[in-house]
mmCIF file of all heavy atoms, coordinates in Angstrom:
data_MODEL
# 
_entry.id   MODEL 
# 
loop_
_atom_site.group_PDB 
_atom_site.id 
_atom_site.type_symbol 
_atom_site.label_atom_id 
_atom_site.label_alt_id 
_atom_site.label_comp_id 
_atom_site.label_asym_id 
_atom_site.label_entity_id 
_atom_site.label_seq_id 
_atom_site.pdbx_PDB_ins_code 
_atom_site.Cartn_x 
_atom_site.Cartn_y 
_atom_site.Cartn_z 
_atom_site.occupancy 
_atom_site.B_iso_or_equiv 
_atom_site.pdbx_formal_charge 
_atom_site.auth_seq_id 
_atom_site.auth_comp_id 
_atom_site.auth_asym_id 
_atom_site.auth_atom_id 
_atom_site.pdbx_PDB_model_num 
ATOM 1   N N   . THR A 1 1  ? -0.228 -12.321 19.115 1.00 0.00 ? 1  THR A N   1 
ATOM 2   C CA  . THR A 1 1  ? 0.402  -13.012 20.174 1.00 0.00 ? 1  THR A CA  1 
ATOM 3   C C   . THR A 1 1  ? -0.197 -14.428 20.312 1.00 0.00 ? 1  THR A C   1 
ATOM 4   O O   . THR A 1 1  ? -1.357 -14.609 19.828 1.00 0.00 ? 1  THR A O   1 
ATOM 5   C CB  . THR A 1 1  ? 0.219  -12.239 21.571 1.00 0.00 ? 1  THR A CB  1 
ATOM 6   O OG1 . THR A 1 1  ? -1.281 -12.038 21.680 1.00 0.00 ? 1  THR A OG1 1 
ATOM 7   C CG2 . THR A 1 1  ? 0.967  -10.987 21.537 1.00 0.00 ? 1  THR A CG2 1 
ATOM 8   N N   . THR A 1 2  ? 0.454  -15.371 21.011 1.00 0.00 ? 2  THR A N   1 
ATOM 9   C CA  . THR A 1 2  ? 0.019  -16.616 21.143 1.00 0.00 ? 2  THR A CA  1 
ATOM 10  C C   . THR A 1 2  ? 0.017  -17.026 22.517 1.00 0.00 ? 2  THR A C   1 
ATOM 11  O O   . THR A 1 2  ? 1.014  -16.726 23.284 1.00 0.00 ? 2  THR A O   1 
ATOM 12  C CB  . THR A 1 2  ? 0.926  -17.603 20.290 1.00 0.00 ? 2  THR A CB  1 
ATOM 13  O OG1 . THR A 1 2  ? 0.829  -17.301 18.871 1.00 0.00 ? 2  THR A OG1 1 
ATOM 14  C CG2 . THR A 1 2  ? 0.394  -19.090 20.308 1.00 0.00 ? 2  THR A CG2 1 
ATOM 15  N N   . TYR A 1 3  ? -1.057 -17.893 23.082 1.00 0.00 ? 3  TYR A N   1 
ATOM 16  C CA  . TYR A 1 3  ? -1.152 -18.358 24.419 1.00 0.00 ? 3  TYR A CA  1 
ATOM 17  C C   . TYR A 1 3  ? -1.354 -19.843 24.354 1.00 0.00 ? 3  TYR A C   1 
ATOM 18  O O   . TYR A 1 3  ? -2.184 -20.275 23.521 1.00 0.00 ? 3  TYR A O   1 
ATOM 19  C CB  . TYR A 1 3  ? -2.152 -17.636 25.134 1.00 0.00 ? 3  TYR A CB  1 
ATOM 20  C CG  . TYR A 1 3  ? -1.895 -16.085 25.329 1.00 0.00 ? 3  TYR A CG  1 
ATOM 21  C CD1 . TYR A 1 3  ? -2.419 -15.180 24.413 1.00 0.00 ? 3  TYR A CD1 1 
ATOM 22  C CD2 . TYR A 1 3  ? -1.248 -15.625 26.403 1.00 0.00 ? 3  TYR A CD2 1 
ATOM 23  C CE1 . TYR A 1 3  ? -2.243 -13.856 24.546 1.00 0.00 ? 3  TYR A CE1 1 
ATOM 24  C CE2 . TYR A 1 3  ? -0.959 -14.255 26.541 1.00 0.00 ? 3  TYR A CE2 1 
ATOM 25  C CZ  . TYR A 1 3  ? -1.559 -13.396 25.689 1.00 0.00 ? 3  TYR A CZ  1 
ATOM 26  O OH  . TYR A 1 3  ? -1.218 -12.109 25.762 1.00 0.00 ? 3  TYR A OH  1 
ATOM 27  N N   . ALA A 1 4  ? -0.911 -20.498 25.309 1.00 0.00 ? 4  ALA A N   1 
ATOM 28  C CA  . ALA A 1 4  ? -1.301 -21.864 25.609 1.00 0.00 ? 4  ALA A CA  1 
ATOM 29  C C   . ALA A 1 4  ? -2.799 -21.765 26.033 1.00 0.00 ? 4  ALA A C   1 
ATOM 30  O O   . ALA A 1 4  ? -3.237 -20.924 26.686 1.00 0.00 ? 4  ALA A O   1 
ATOM 31  C CB  . ALA A 1 4  ? -0.481 -22.502 26.720 1.00 0.00 ? 4  ALA A CB  1 
ATOM 32  N N   . ASP A 1 5  ? -3.434 -22.950 25.701 1.00 0.00 ? 5  ASP A N   1 
ATOM 33  C CA  . ASP A 1 5  ? -4.835 -22.910 26.026 1.00 0.00 ? 5  ASP A CA  1 
ATOM 34  C C   . ASP A 1 5  ? -5.011 -22.788 27.481 1.00 0.00 ? 5  ASP A C   1 
ATOM 35  O O   . ASP A 1 5  ? -6.142 -22.289 28.025 1.00 0.00 ? 5  ASP A O   1 
ATOM 36  C CB  . ASP A 1 5  ? -5.500 -24.253 25.443 1.00 0.00 ? 5  ASP A CB  1 
ATOM 37  C CG  . ASP A 1 5  ? -5.617 -24.206 23.958 1.00 0.00 ? 5  ASP A CG  1 
ATOM 38  O OD1 . ASP A 1 5  ? -5.690 -23.143 23.324 1.00 0.00 ? 5  ASP A OD1 1 
ATOM 39  O OD2 . ASP A 1 5  ? -5.775 -25.412 23.441 1.00 0.00 ? 5  ASP A OD2 1 
ATOM 40  N N   . SER A 1 6  ? -4.275 -23.298 28.334 1.00 0.00 ? 6  SER A N   1 
ATOM 41  C CA  . SER A 1 6  ? -4.324 -23.320 29.768 1.00 0.00 ? 6  SER A CA  1 
ATOM 42  C C   . SER A 1 6  ? -4.250 -22.009 30.461 1.00 0.00 ? 6  SER A C   1 
ATOM 43  O O   . SER A 1 6  ? -4.647 -21.844 31.601 1.00 0.00 ? 6  SER A O   1 
ATOM 44  C CB  . SER A 1 6  ? -3.354 -24.355 30.362 1.00 0.00 ? 6  SER A CB  1 
ATOM 45  O OG  . SER A 1 6  ? -2.018 -23.849 30.098 1.00 0.00 ? 6  SER A OG  1 
ATOM 46  N N   . VAL A 1 7  ? -3.722 -21.052 29.698 1.00 0.00 ? 7  VAL A N   1 
ATOM 47  C CA  . VAL A 1 7  ? -3.570 -19.746 30.308 1.00 0.00 ? 7  VAL A CA  1 
ATOM 48  C C   . VAL A 1 7  ? -4.351 -18.638 29.595 1.00 0.00 ? 7  VAL A C   1 
ATOM 49  O O   . VAL A 1 7  ? -4.361 -17.490 30.197 1.00 0.00 ? 7  VAL A O   1 
ATOM 50  C CB  . VAL A 1 7  ? -2.059 -19.369 30.361 1.00 0.00 ? 7  VAL A CB  1 
ATOM 51  C CG1 . VAL A 1 7  ? -1.135 -20.328 30.957 1.00 0.00 ? 7  VAL A CG1 1 
ATOM 52  C CG2 . VAL A 1 7  ? -1.595 -18.964 29.051 1.00 0.00 ? 7  VAL A CG2 1 
ATOM 53  N N   . LYS A 1 8  ? -5.073 -19.019 28.554 1.00 0.00 ? 8  LYS A N   1 
ATOM 54  C CA  . LYS A 1 8  ? -5.844 -17.996 27.821 1.00 0.00 ? 8  LYS A CA  1 
ATOM 55  C C   . LYS A 1 8  ? -6.779 -17.266 28.737 1.00 0.00 ? 8  LYS A C   1 
ATOM 56  O O   . LYS A 1 8  ? -7.611 -17.981 29.457 1.00 0.00 ? 8  LYS A O   1 
ATOM 57  C CB  . LYS A 1 8  ? -6.508 -18.626 26.648 1.00 0.00 ? 8  LYS A CB  1 
ATOM 58  C CG  . LYS A 1 8  ? -5.644 -18.947 25.507 1.00 0.00 ? 8  LYS A CG  1 
ATOM 59  C CD  . LYS A 1 8  ? -6.410 -19.511 24.317 1.00 0.00 ? 8  LYS A CD  1 
ATOM 60  C CE  . LYS A 1 8  ? -5.539 -19.864 23.222 1.00 0.00 ? 8  LYS A CE  1 
ATOM 61  N NZ  . LYS A 1 8  ? -6.111 -20.566 22.087 1.00 0.00 ? 8  LYS A NZ  1 
ATOM 62  N N   . GLY A 1 9  ? -6.959 -16.004 28.761 1.00 0.00 ? 9  GLY A N   1 
ATOM 63  C CA  . GLY A 1 9  ? -7.901 -15.267 29.492 1.00 0.00 ? 9  GLY A CA  1 
ATOM 64  C C   . GLY A 1 9  ? -7.409 -14.930 30.884 1.00 0.00 ? 9  GLY A C   1 
ATOM 65  O O   . GLY A 1 9  ? -7.952 -14.087 31.590 1.00 0.00 ? 9  GLY A O   1 
ATOM 66  N N   . ARG A 1 10 ? -6.227 -15.506 31.257 1.00 0.00 ? 10 ARG A N   1 
ATOM 67  C CA  . ARG A 1 10 ? -5.647 -15.228 32.590 1.00 0.00 ? 10 ARG A CA  1 
ATOM 68  C C   . ARG A 1 10 ? -4.323 -14.492 32.432 1.00 0.00 ? 10 ARG A C   1 
ATOM 69  O O   . ARG A 1 10 ? -3.894 -13.674 33.280 1.00 0.00 ? 10 ARG A O   1 
ATOM 70  C CB  . ARG A 1 10 ? -5.448 -16.540 33.364 1.00 0.00 ? 10 ARG A CB  1 
ATOM 71  C CG  . ARG A 1 10 ? -6.794 -17.168 33.603 1.00 0.00 ? 10 ARG A CG  1 
ATOM 72  C CD  . ARG A 1 10 ? -6.588 -18.399 34.579 1.00 0.00 ? 10 ARG A CD  1 
ATOM 73  N NE  . ARG A 1 10 ? -5.759 -19.473 34.103 1.00 0.00 ? 10 ARG A NE  1 
ATOM 74  C CZ  . ARG A 1 10 ? -4.563 -19.793 34.598 1.00 0.00 ? 10 ARG A CZ  1 
ATOM 75  N NH1 . ARG A 1 10 ? -4.182 -19.243 35.689 1.00 0.00 ? 10 ARG A NH1 1 
ATOM 76  N NH2 . ARG A 1 10 ? -3.830 -20.848 34.026 1.00 0.00 ? 10 ARG A NH2 1 
ATOM 77  N N   . PHE A 1 11 ? -3.491 -14.937 31.435 1.00 0.00 ? 11 PHE A N   1 
ATOM 78  C CA  . PHE A 1 11 ? -2.154 -14.273 31.301 1.00 0.00 ? 11 PHE A CA  1 
ATOM 79  C C   . PHE A 1 11 ? -2.191 -13.329 30.092 1.00 0.00 ? 11 PHE A C   1 
ATOM 80  O O   . PHE A 1 11 ? -2.999 -13.528 29.087 1.00 0.00 ? 11 PHE A O   1 
ATOM 81  C CB  . PHE A 1 11 ? -1.194 -15.422 30.927 1.00 0.00 ? 11 PHE A CB  1 
ATOM 82  C CG  . PHE A 1 11 ? -0.836 -16.336 32.034 1.00 0.00 ? 11 PHE A CG  1 
ATOM 83  C CD1 . PHE A 1 11 ? -1.586 -16.272 33.326 1.00 0.00 ? 11 PHE A CD1 1 
ATOM 84  C CD2 . PHE A 1 11 ? 0.213  -17.227 32.037 1.00 0.00 ? 11 PHE A CD2 1 
ATOM 85  C CE1 . PHE A 1 11 ? -1.282 -17.113 34.344 1.00 0.00 ? 11 PHE A CE1 1 
ATOM 86  C CE2 . PHE A 1 11 ? 0.424  -18.082 33.071 1.00 0.00 ? 11 PHE A CE2 1 
ATOM 87  C CZ  . PHE A 1 11 ? -0.216 -18.021 34.249 1.00 0.00 ? 11 PHE A CZ  1 
ATOM 88  N N   . THR A 1 12 ? -1.239 -12.354 30.205 1.00 0.00 ? 12 THR A N   1 
ATOM 89  C CA  . THR A 1 12 ? -1.144 -11.370 29.065 1.00 0.00 ? 12 THR A CA  1 
ATOM 90  C C   . THR A 1 12 ? 0.347  -11.068 28.861 1.00 0.00 ? 12 THR A C   1 
ATOM 91  O O   . THR A 1 12 ? 1.087  -10.783 29.802 1.00 0.00 ? 12 THR A O   1 
ATOM 92  C CB  . THR A 1 12 ? -1.829 -10.113 29.415 1.00 0.00 ? 12 THR A CB  1 
ATOM 93  O OG1 . THR A 1 12 ? -3.248 -10.285 29.628 1.00 0.00 ? 12 THR A OG1 1 
ATOM 94  C CG2 . THR A 1 12 ? -1.747 -9.110  28.245 1.00 0.00 ? 12 THR A CG2 1 
ATOM 95  N N   . ILE A 1 13 ? 0.720  -11.301 27.707 1.00 0.00 ? 13 ILE A N   1 
ATOM 96  C CA  . ILE A 1 13 ? 2.169  -11.007 27.305 1.00 0.00 ? 13 ILE A CA  1 
ATOM 97  C C   . ILE A 1 13 ? 2.191  -9.639  26.529 1.00 0.00 ? 13 ILE A C   1 
ATOM 98  O O   . ILE A 1 13 ? 1.347  -9.357  25.777 1.00 0.00 ? 13 ILE A O   1 
ATOM 99  C CB  . ILE A 1 13 ? 2.725  -12.061 26.490 1.00 0.00 ? 13 ILE A CB  1 
ATOM 100 C CG1 . ILE A 1 13 ? 4.213  -11.824 26.158 1.00 0.00 ? 13 ILE A CG1 1 
ATOM 101 C CG2 . ILE A 1 13 ? 2.061  -12.117 25.095 1.00 0.00 ? 13 ILE A CG2 1 
ATOM 102 C CD1 . ILE A 1 13 ? 5.006  -12.990 25.448 1.00 0.00 ? 13 ILE A CD1 1 
ATOM 103 N N   . SER A 1 14 ? 3.252  -8.844  26.889 1.00 0.00 ? 14 SER A N   1 
ATOM 104 C CA  . SER A 1 14 ? 3.386  -7.554  26.198 1.00 0.00 ? 14 SER A CA  1 
ATOM 105 C C   . SER A 1 14 ? 4.907  -7.228  26.003 1.00 0.00 ? 14 SER A C   1 
ATOM 106 O O   . SER A 1 14 ? 5.641  -7.859  26.682 1.00 0.00 ? 14 SER A O   1 
ATOM 107 C CB  . SER A 1 14 ? 2.799  -6.467  27.116 1.00 0.00 ? 14 SER A CB  1 
ATOM 108 O OG  . SER A 1 14 ? 3.229  -6.400  28.270 1.00 0.00 ? 14 SER A OG  1 
ATOM 109 N N   . ARG A 1 15 ? 5.231  -6.344  25.162 1.00 0.00 ? 15 ARG A N   1 
ATOM 110 C CA  . ARG A 1 15 ? 6.632  -6.054  24.896 1.00 0.00 ? 15 ARG A CA  1 
ATOM 111 C C   . ARG A 1 15 ? 6.884  -4.542  24.915 1.00 0.00 ? 15 ARG A C   1 
ATOM 112 O O   . ARG A 1 15 ? 5.953  -3.678  24.532 1.00 0.00 ? 15 ARG A O   1 
ATOM 113 C CB  . ARG A 1 15 ? 6.919  -6.499  23.484 1.00 0.00 ? 15 ARG A CB  1 
ATOM 114 C CG  . ARG A 1 15 ? 7.181  -8.054  23.428 1.00 0.00 ? 15 ARG A CG  1 
ATOM 115 C CD  . ARG A 1 15 ? 7.378  -8.435  21.910 1.00 0.00 ? 15 ARG A CD  1 
ATOM 116 N NE  . ARG A 1 15 ? 8.719  -7.821  21.415 1.00 0.00 ? 15 ARG A NE  1 
ATOM 117 C CZ  . ARG A 1 15 ? 9.299  -8.198  20.339 1.00 0.00 ? 15 ARG A CZ  1 
ATOM 118 N NH1 . ARG A 1 15 ? 8.803  -9.297  19.665 1.00 0.00 ? 15 ARG A NH1 1 
ATOM 119 N NH2 . ARG A 1 15 ? 10.416 -7.629  19.891 1.00 0.00 ? 15 ARG A NH2 1 
ATOM 120 N N   . ASP A 1 16 ? 7.989  -4.085  25.399 1.00 0.00 ? 16 ASP A N   1 
ATOM 121 C CA  . ASP A 1 16 ? 8.335  -2.750  25.387 1.00 0.00 ? 16 ASP A CA  1 
ATOM 122 C C   . ASP A 1 16 ? 9.679  -2.872  24.479 1.00 0.00 ? 16 ASP A C   1 
ATOM 123 O O   . ASP A 1 16 ? 10.713 -3.143  25.076 1.00 0.00 ? 16 ASP A O   1 
ATOM 124 C CB  . ASP A 1 16 ? 8.665  -2.179  26.831 1.00 0.00 ? 16 ASP A CB  1 
ATOM 125 C CG  . ASP A 1 16 ? 9.093  -0.704  26.648 1.00 0.00 ? 16 ASP A CG  1 
ATOM 126 O OD1 . ASP A 1 16 ? 9.573  -0.272  25.668 1.00 0.00 ? 16 ASP A OD1 1 
ATOM 127 O OD2 . ASP A 1 16 ? 8.706  -0.008  27.614 1.00 0.00 ? 16 ASP A OD2 1 
ATOM 128 N N   . ASN A 1 17 ? 9.590  -2.639  23.218 1.00 0.00 ? 17 ASN A N   1 
ATOM 129 C CA  . ASN A 1 17 ? 10.759 -2.784  22.330 1.00 0.00 ? 17 ASN A CA  1 
ATOM 130 C C   . ASN A 1 17 ? 11.837 -1.849  22.589 1.00 0.00 ? 17 ASN A C   1 
ATOM 131 O O   . ASN A 1 17 ? 13.027 -2.151  22.459 1.00 0.00 ? 17 ASN A O   1 
ATOM 132 C CB  . ASN A 1 17 ? 10.301 -2.616  20.965 1.00 0.00 ? 17 ASN A CB  1 
ATOM 133 C CG  . ASN A 1 17 ? 9.343  -3.879  20.464 1.00 0.00 ? 17 ASN A CG  1 
ATOM 134 O OD1 . ASN A 1 17 ? 9.551  -5.038  20.888 1.00 0.00 ? 17 ASN A OD1 1 
ATOM 135 N ND2 . ASN A 1 17 ? 8.383  -3.583  19.659 1.00 0.00 ? 17 ASN A ND2 1 
ATOM 136 N N   . ALA A 1 18 ? 11.596 -0.691  23.103 1.00 0.00 ? 18 ALA A N   1 
ATOM 137 C CA  . ALA A 1 18 ? 12.551 0.419   23.370 1.00 0.00 ? 18 ALA A CA  1 
ATOM 138 C C   . ALA A 1 18 ? 13.358 -0.141  24.515 1.00 0.00 ? 18 ALA A C   1 
ATOM 139 O O   . ALA A 1 18 ? 14.664 0.173   24.577 1.00 0.00 ? 18 ALA A O   1 
ATOM 140 C CB  . ALA A 1 18 ? 11.966 1.691   23.676 1.00 0.00 ? 18 ALA A CB  1 
ATOM 141 N N   . LYS A 1 19 ? 12.780 -0.766  25.451 1.00 0.00 ? 19 LYS A N   1 
ATOM 142 C CA  . LYS A 1 19 ? 13.524 -1.296  26.632 1.00 0.00 ? 19 LYS A CA  1 
ATOM 143 C C   . LYS A 1 19 ? 14.140 -2.739  26.447 1.00 0.00 ? 19 LYS A C   1 
ATOM 144 O O   . LYS A 1 19 ? 14.678 -3.375  27.323 1.00 0.00 ? 19 LYS A O   1 
ATOM 145 C CB  . LYS A 1 19 ? 12.687 -1.225  27.851 1.00 0.00 ? 19 LYS A CB  1 
ATOM 146 C CG  . LYS A 1 19 ? 12.251 0.239   28.287 1.00 0.00 ? 19 LYS A CG  1 
ATOM 147 C CD  . LYS A 1 19 ? 11.497 0.077   29.621 1.00 0.00 ? 19 LYS A CD  1 
ATOM 148 C CE  . LYS A 1 19 ? 11.025 1.449   30.089 1.00 0.00 ? 19 LYS A CE  1 
ATOM 149 N NZ  . LYS A 1 19 ? 10.176 1.440   31.224 1.00 0.00 ? 19 LYS A NZ  1 
ATOM 150 N N   . LYS A 1 20 ? 13.664 -3.243  25.369 1.00 0.00 ? 20 LYS A N   1 
ATOM 151 C CA  . LYS A 1 20 ? 14.042 -4.718  24.962 1.00 0.00 ? 20 LYS A CA  1 
ATOM 152 C C   . LYS A 1 20 ? 13.575 -5.585  26.125 1.00 0.00 ? 20 LYS A C   1 
ATOM 153 O O   . LYS A 1 20 ? 14.267 -6.459  26.586 1.00 0.00 ? 20 LYS A O   1 
ATOM 154 C CB  . LYS A 1 20 ? 15.513 -4.854  24.852 1.00 0.00 ? 20 LYS A CB  1 
ATOM 155 C CG  . LYS A 1 20 ? 16.098 -4.208  23.588 1.00 0.00 ? 20 LYS A CG  1 
ATOM 156 C CD  . LYS A 1 20 ? 17.584 -4.386  23.350 1.00 0.00 ? 20 LYS A CD  1 
ATOM 157 C CE  . LYS A 1 20 ? 18.173 -3.633  22.138 1.00 0.00 ? 20 LYS A CE  1 
ATOM 158 N NZ  . LYS A 1 20 ? 18.060 -2.115  22.375 1.00 0.00 ? 20 LYS A NZ  1 
ATOM 159 N N   . THR A 1 21 ? 12.329 -5.441  26.478 1.00 0.00 ? 21 THR A N   1 
ATOM 160 C CA  . THR A 1 21 ? 11.732 -6.024  27.590 1.00 0.00 ? 21 THR A CA  1 
ATOM 161 C C   . THR A 1 21 ? 10.344 -6.769  27.118 1.00 0.00 ? 21 THR A C   1 
ATOM 162 O O   . THR A 1 21 ? 9.641  -6.163  26.481 1.00 0.00 ? 21 THR A O   1 
ATOM 163 C CB  . THR A 1 21 ? 11.496 -5.178  28.878 1.00 0.00 ? 21 THR A CB  1 
ATOM 164 O OG1 . THR A 1 21 ? 12.788 -4.662  29.240 1.00 0.00 ? 21 THR A OG1 1 
ATOM 165 C CG2 . THR A 1 21 ? 10.833 -5.900  30.009 1.00 0.00 ? 21 THR A CG2 1 
ATOM 166 N N   . VAL A 1 22 ? 10.126 -7.895  27.720 1.00 0.00 ? 22 VAL A N   1 
ATOM 167 C CA  . VAL A 1 22 ? 8.878  -8.567  27.521 1.00 0.00 ? 22 VAL A CA  1 
ATOM 168 C C   . VAL A 1 22 ? 8.271  -8.861  28.983 1.00 0.00 ? 22 VAL A C   1 
ATOM 169 O O   . VAL A 1 22 ? 9.019  -9.226  29.950 1.00 0.00 ? 22 VAL A O   1 
ATOM 170 C CB  . VAL A 1 22 ? 8.980  -9.942  26.769 1.00 0.00 ? 22 VAL A CB  1 
ATOM 171 C CG1 . VAL A 1 22 ? 9.907  -10.846 27.512 1.00 0.00 ? 22 VAL A CG1 1 
ATOM 172 C CG2 . VAL A 1 22 ? 7.611  -10.518 26.485 1.00 0.00 ? 22 VAL A CG2 1 
ATOM 173 N N   . TYR A 1 23 ? 6.918  -8.786  29.125 1.00 0.00 ? 23 TYR A N   1 
ATOM 174 C CA  . TYR A 1 23 ? 6.374  -8.950  30.396 1.00 0.00 ? 23 TYR A CA  1 
ATOM 175 C C   . TYR A 1 23 ? 5.378  -10.012 30.249 1.00 0.00 ? 23 TYR A C   1 
ATOM 176 O O   . TYR A 1 23 ? 4.831  -10.309 29.243 1.00 0.00 ? 23 TYR A O   1 
ATOM 177 C CB  . TYR A 1 23 ? 5.624  -7.659  30.842 1.00 0.00 ? 23 TYR A CB  1 
ATOM 178 C CG  . TYR A 1 23 ? 6.476  -6.449  30.913 1.00 0.00 ? 23 TYR A CG  1 
ATOM 179 C CD1 . TYR A 1 23 ? 6.435  -5.584  29.852 1.00 0.00 ? 23 TYR A CD1 1 
ATOM 180 C CD2 . TYR A 1 23 ? 7.282  -6.136  32.054 1.00 0.00 ? 23 TYR A CD2 1 
ATOM 181 C CE1 . TYR A 1 23 ? 7.339  -4.451  29.870 1.00 0.00 ? 23 TYR A CE1 1 
ATOM 182 C CE2 . TYR A 1 23 ? 7.965  -5.015  32.061 1.00 0.00 ? 23 TYR A CE2 1 
ATOM 183 C CZ  . TYR A 1 23 ? 7.994  -4.122  31.081 1.00 0.00 ? 23 TYR A CZ  1 
ATOM 184 O OH  . TYR A 1 23 ? 8.807  -3.064  31.150 1.00 0.00 ? 23 TYR A OH  1 
ATOM 185 N N   . LEU A 1 24 ? 5.082  -10.664 31.402 1.00 0.00 ? 24 LEU A N   1 
ATOM 186 C CA  . LEU A 1 24 ? 3.939  -11.689 31.423 1.00 0.00 ? 24 LEU A CA  1 
ATOM 187 C C   . LEU A 1 24 ? 3.137  -11.285 32.718 1.00 0.00 ? 24 LEU A C   1 
ATOM 188 O O   . LEU A 1 24 ? 3.587  -11.570 33.825 1.00 0.00 ? 24 LEU A O   1 
ATOM 189 C CB  . LEU A 1 24 ? 4.402  -13.111 31.526 1.00 0.00 ? 24 LEU A CB  1 
ATOM 190 C CG  . LEU A 1 24 ? 3.486  -14.177 31.561 1.00 0.00 ? 24 LEU A CG  1 
ATOM 191 C CD1 . LEU A 1 24 ? 2.821  -14.255 30.188 1.00 0.00 ? 24 LEU A CD1 1 
ATOM 192 C CD2 . LEU A 1 24 ? 4.050  -15.563 31.813 1.00 0.00 ? 24 LEU A CD2 1 
ATOM 193 N N   . GLN A 1 25 ? 1.980  -10.710 32.499 1.00 0.00 ? 25 GLN A N   1 
ATOM 194 C CA  . GLN A 1 25 ? 1.005  -10.584 33.563 1.00 0.00 ? 25 GLN A CA  1 
ATOM 195 C C   . GLN A 1 25 ? 0.235  -11.739 33.872 1.00 0.00 ? 25 GLN A C   1 
ATOM 196 O O   . GLN A 1 25 ? -0.542 -12.247 32.932 1.00 0.00 ? 25 GLN A O   1 
ATOM 197 C CB  . GLN A 1 25 ? 0.089  -9.285  33.234 1.00 0.00 ? 25 GLN A CB  1 
ATOM 198 C CG  . GLN A 1 25 ? -0.860 -8.931  34.278 1.00 0.00 ? 25 GLN A CG  1 
ATOM 199 C CD  . GLN A 1 25 ? -0.287 -8.493  35.599 1.00 0.00 ? 25 GLN A CD  1 
ATOM 200 O OE1 . GLN A 1 25 ? 0.652  -7.705  35.557 1.00 0.00 ? 25 GLN A OE1 1 
ATOM 201 N NE2 . GLN A 1 25 ? -0.753 -9.119  36.738 1.00 0.00 ? 25 GLN A NE2 1 
# 
């Protein structure tokens, strides 16, 4: 995964491929 420097350590991206869904915590 890739993050902008400004959000590293604070944001987390994840995927649920079965649901065709991506999340951003």
